[in-house]
Amino acid sequence: MSEHHTILGGKVHVYKRSNSSSWQCASYLAGKNRRTTTKEDSLSKAKEFAED
């Protein structure tokens, strides 16, 4: 099962897929869904990456 966390007032989602060790982040910006990997294993570092 994957883990999900919401940051920045619900504007950014940080999640980890069940088959991956890295956290992903996603946001809806300028009319498009944007997703990328944070390449981080640590949730706190992944959140910092996503906030930037």
N, C-alpha and C. Protein backbone atom coordinates (compact mmCIF):
# COMPACT_ATOMS: atom_id res chain seq x y z
N MET A 1 0.84 -1.18 0.00
CA MET A 1 0.00 0.00 0.00
C MET A 1 0.89 1.25 0.00
N SER A 2 0.47 2.28 -0.67
CA SER A 2 1.27 3.50 -0.76
C SER A 2 0.93 4.46 0.38
N GLU A 3 1.85 5.37 0.65
CA GLU A 3 1.67 6.40 1.69
C GLU A 3 1.45 7.73 1.00
N HIS A 4 0.57 8.58 1.57
CA HIS A 4 0.27 9.90 1.00
C HIS A 4 0.35 10.96 2.08
N HIS A 5 0.91 12.13 1.73
CA HIS A 5 0.96 13.28 2.63
C HIS A 5 0.66 14.52 1.80
N THR A 6 -0.07 15.45 2.37
CA THR A 6 -0.40 16.70 1.69
C THR A 6 0.32 17.84 2.39
N ILE A 7 0.93 18.74 1.59
CA ILE A 7 1.65 19.88 2.14
C ILE A 7 1.23 21.16 1.41
N LEU A 8 1.68 22.28 1.92
CA LEU A 8 1.41 23.60 1.35
C LEU A 8 -0.08 23.84 1.16
N GLY A 9 -0.84 23.54 2.19
CA GLY A 9 -2.28 23.80 2.15
C GLY A 9 -3.04 22.98 1.13
N GLY A 10 -2.56 21.80 0.83
CA GLY A 10 -3.23 20.91 -0.11
C GLY A 10 -2.81 21.09 -1.55
N LYS A 11 -1.86 21.97 -1.81
CA LYS A 11 -1.43 22.24 -3.18
C LYS A 11 -0.43 21.21 -3.71
N VAL A 12 0.26 20.53 -2.81
CA VAL A 12 1.28 19.55 -3.20
C VAL A 12 1.04 18.25 -2.45
N HIS A 13 1.15 17.16 -3.17
CA HIS A 13 0.99 15.83 -2.59
C HIS A 13 2.32 15.10 -2.69
N VAL A 14 2.75 14.52 -1.59
CA VAL A 14 3.97 13.73 -1.54
C VAL A 14 3.52 12.30 -1.25
N TYR A 15 3.97 11.37 -2.07
CA TYR A 15 3.52 9.99 -1.91
C TYR A 15 4.62 9.01 -2.27
N LYS A 16 4.46 7.82 -1.74
CA LYS A 16 5.42 6.75 -1.99
C LYS A 16 4.65 5.55 -2.49
N ARG A 17 5.01 5.06 -3.65
CA ARG A 17 4.37 3.88 -4.21
C ARG A 17 4.87 2.64 -3.49
N SER A 18 4.04 1.63 -3.46
CA SER A 18 4.37 0.41 -2.71
C SER A 18 5.58 -0.33 -3.28
N ASN A 19 5.87 -0.16 -4.55
CA ASN A 19 7.00 -0.87 -5.16
C ASN A 19 8.24 0.01 -5.34
N SER A 20 8.28 1.15 -4.64
CA SER A 20 9.39 2.08 -4.79
C SER A 20 9.94 2.50 -3.43
N SER A 21 11.23 2.81 -3.40
CA SER A 21 11.82 3.31 -2.16
C SER A 21 11.88 4.84 -2.15
N SER A 22 11.66 5.48 -3.29
CA SER A 22 11.73 6.93 -3.40
C SER A 22 10.35 7.57 -3.30
N TRP A 23 10.32 8.77 -2.72
CA TRP A 23 9.09 9.54 -2.62
C TRP A 23 8.86 10.30 -3.92
N GLN A 24 7.60 10.48 -4.29
CA GLN A 24 7.18 11.23 -5.47
C GLN A 24 6.45 12.48 -5.00
N CYS A 25 6.34 13.49 -5.84
CA CYS A 25 5.52 14.65 -5.51
C CYS A 25 4.68 15.03 -6.72
N ALA A 26 3.50 15.60 -6.46
CA ALA A 26 2.58 15.97 -7.52
C ALA A 26 1.86 17.25 -7.15
N SER A 27 1.55 18.04 -8.18
CA SER A 27 0.81 19.28 -7.99
C SER A 27 0.06 19.62 -9.28
N TYR A 28 -0.99 20.39 -9.16
CA TYR A 28 -1.73 20.88 -10.31
C TYR A 28 -1.34 22.34 -10.49
N LEU A 29 -0.68 22.66 -11.60
CA LEU A 29 -0.13 24.01 -11.81
C LEU A 29 -0.33 24.42 -13.26
N ALA A 30 -0.83 25.61 -13.46
CA ALA A 30 -1.03 26.17 -14.80
C ALA A 30 -1.84 25.24 -15.70
N GLY A 31 -2.89 24.63 -15.11
CA GLY A 31 -3.78 23.80 -15.89
C GLY A 31 -3.28 22.41 -16.21
N LYS A 32 -2.17 22.00 -15.60
CA LYS A 32 -1.62 20.67 -15.86
C LYS A 32 -1.19 20.00 -14.56
N ASN A 33 -1.31 18.68 -14.54
CA ASN A 33 -0.78 17.90 -13.43
C ASN A 33 0.72 17.77 -13.61
N ARG A 34 1.47 18.07 -12.60
CA ARG A 34 2.94 17.97 -12.62
C ARG A 34 3.36 16.93 -11.61
N ARG A 35 4.18 15.97 -12.03
CA ARG A 35 4.66 14.92 -11.13
C ARG A 35 6.14 14.71 -11.38
N THR A 36 6.85 14.42 -10.30
CA THR A 36 8.27 14.09 -10.42
C THR A 36 8.71 13.28 -9.20
N THR A 37 9.81 12.60 -9.34
CA THR A 37 10.38 11.90 -8.20
C THR A 37 11.27 12.85 -7.43
N THR A 38 11.29 12.68 -6.12
CA THR A 38 12.18 13.50 -5.29
C THR A 38 13.56 12.85 -5.18
N LYS A 39 13.65 11.57 -5.53
CA LYS A 39 14.88 10.78 -5.40
C LYS A 39 15.35 10.71 -3.96
N GLU A 40 14.39 10.83 -3.03
CA GLU A 40 14.70 10.79 -1.60
C GLU A 40 14.01 9.60 -0.95
N ASP A 41 14.68 8.97 0.00
CA ASP A 41 14.09 7.89 0.79
C ASP A 41 13.45 8.42 2.06
N SER A 42 13.89 9.59 2.51
CA SER A 42 13.41 10.21 3.73
C SER A 42 12.20 11.12 3.44
N LEU A 43 11.14 10.97 4.22
CA LEU A 43 9.95 11.80 4.03
C LEU A 43 10.26 13.27 4.27
N SER A 44 11.03 13.60 5.29
CA SER A 44 11.32 15.01 5.58
C SER A 44 12.11 15.66 4.45
N LYS A 45 13.07 14.95 3.88
CA LYS A 45 13.84 15.49 2.75
C LYS A 45 12.96 15.60 1.50
N ALA A 46 12.06 14.64 1.32
CA ALA A 46 11.15 14.68 0.18
C ALA A 46 10.22 15.88 0.28
N LYS A 47 9.73 16.19 1.49
CA LYS A 47 8.87 17.35 1.69
C LYS A 47 9.63 18.64 1.39
N GLU A 48 10.88 18.73 1.82
CA GLU A 48 11.71 19.91 1.52
C GLU A 48 11.87 20.07 0.01
N PHE A 49 12.14 18.98 -0.69
CA PHE A 49 12.28 19.00 -2.15
C PHE A 49 11.00 19.50 -2.79
N ALA A 50 9.87 18.98 -2.36
CA ALA A 50 8.57 19.33 -2.94
C ALA A 50 8.22 20.79 -2.68
N GLU A 51 8.58 21.32 -1.53
CA GLU A 51 8.30 22.72 -1.21
C GLU A 51 9.10 23.66 -2.10
N ASP A 52 10.31 23.27 -2.47
CA ASP A 52 11.14 24.10 -3.35
C ASP A 52 10.59 24.08 -4.75
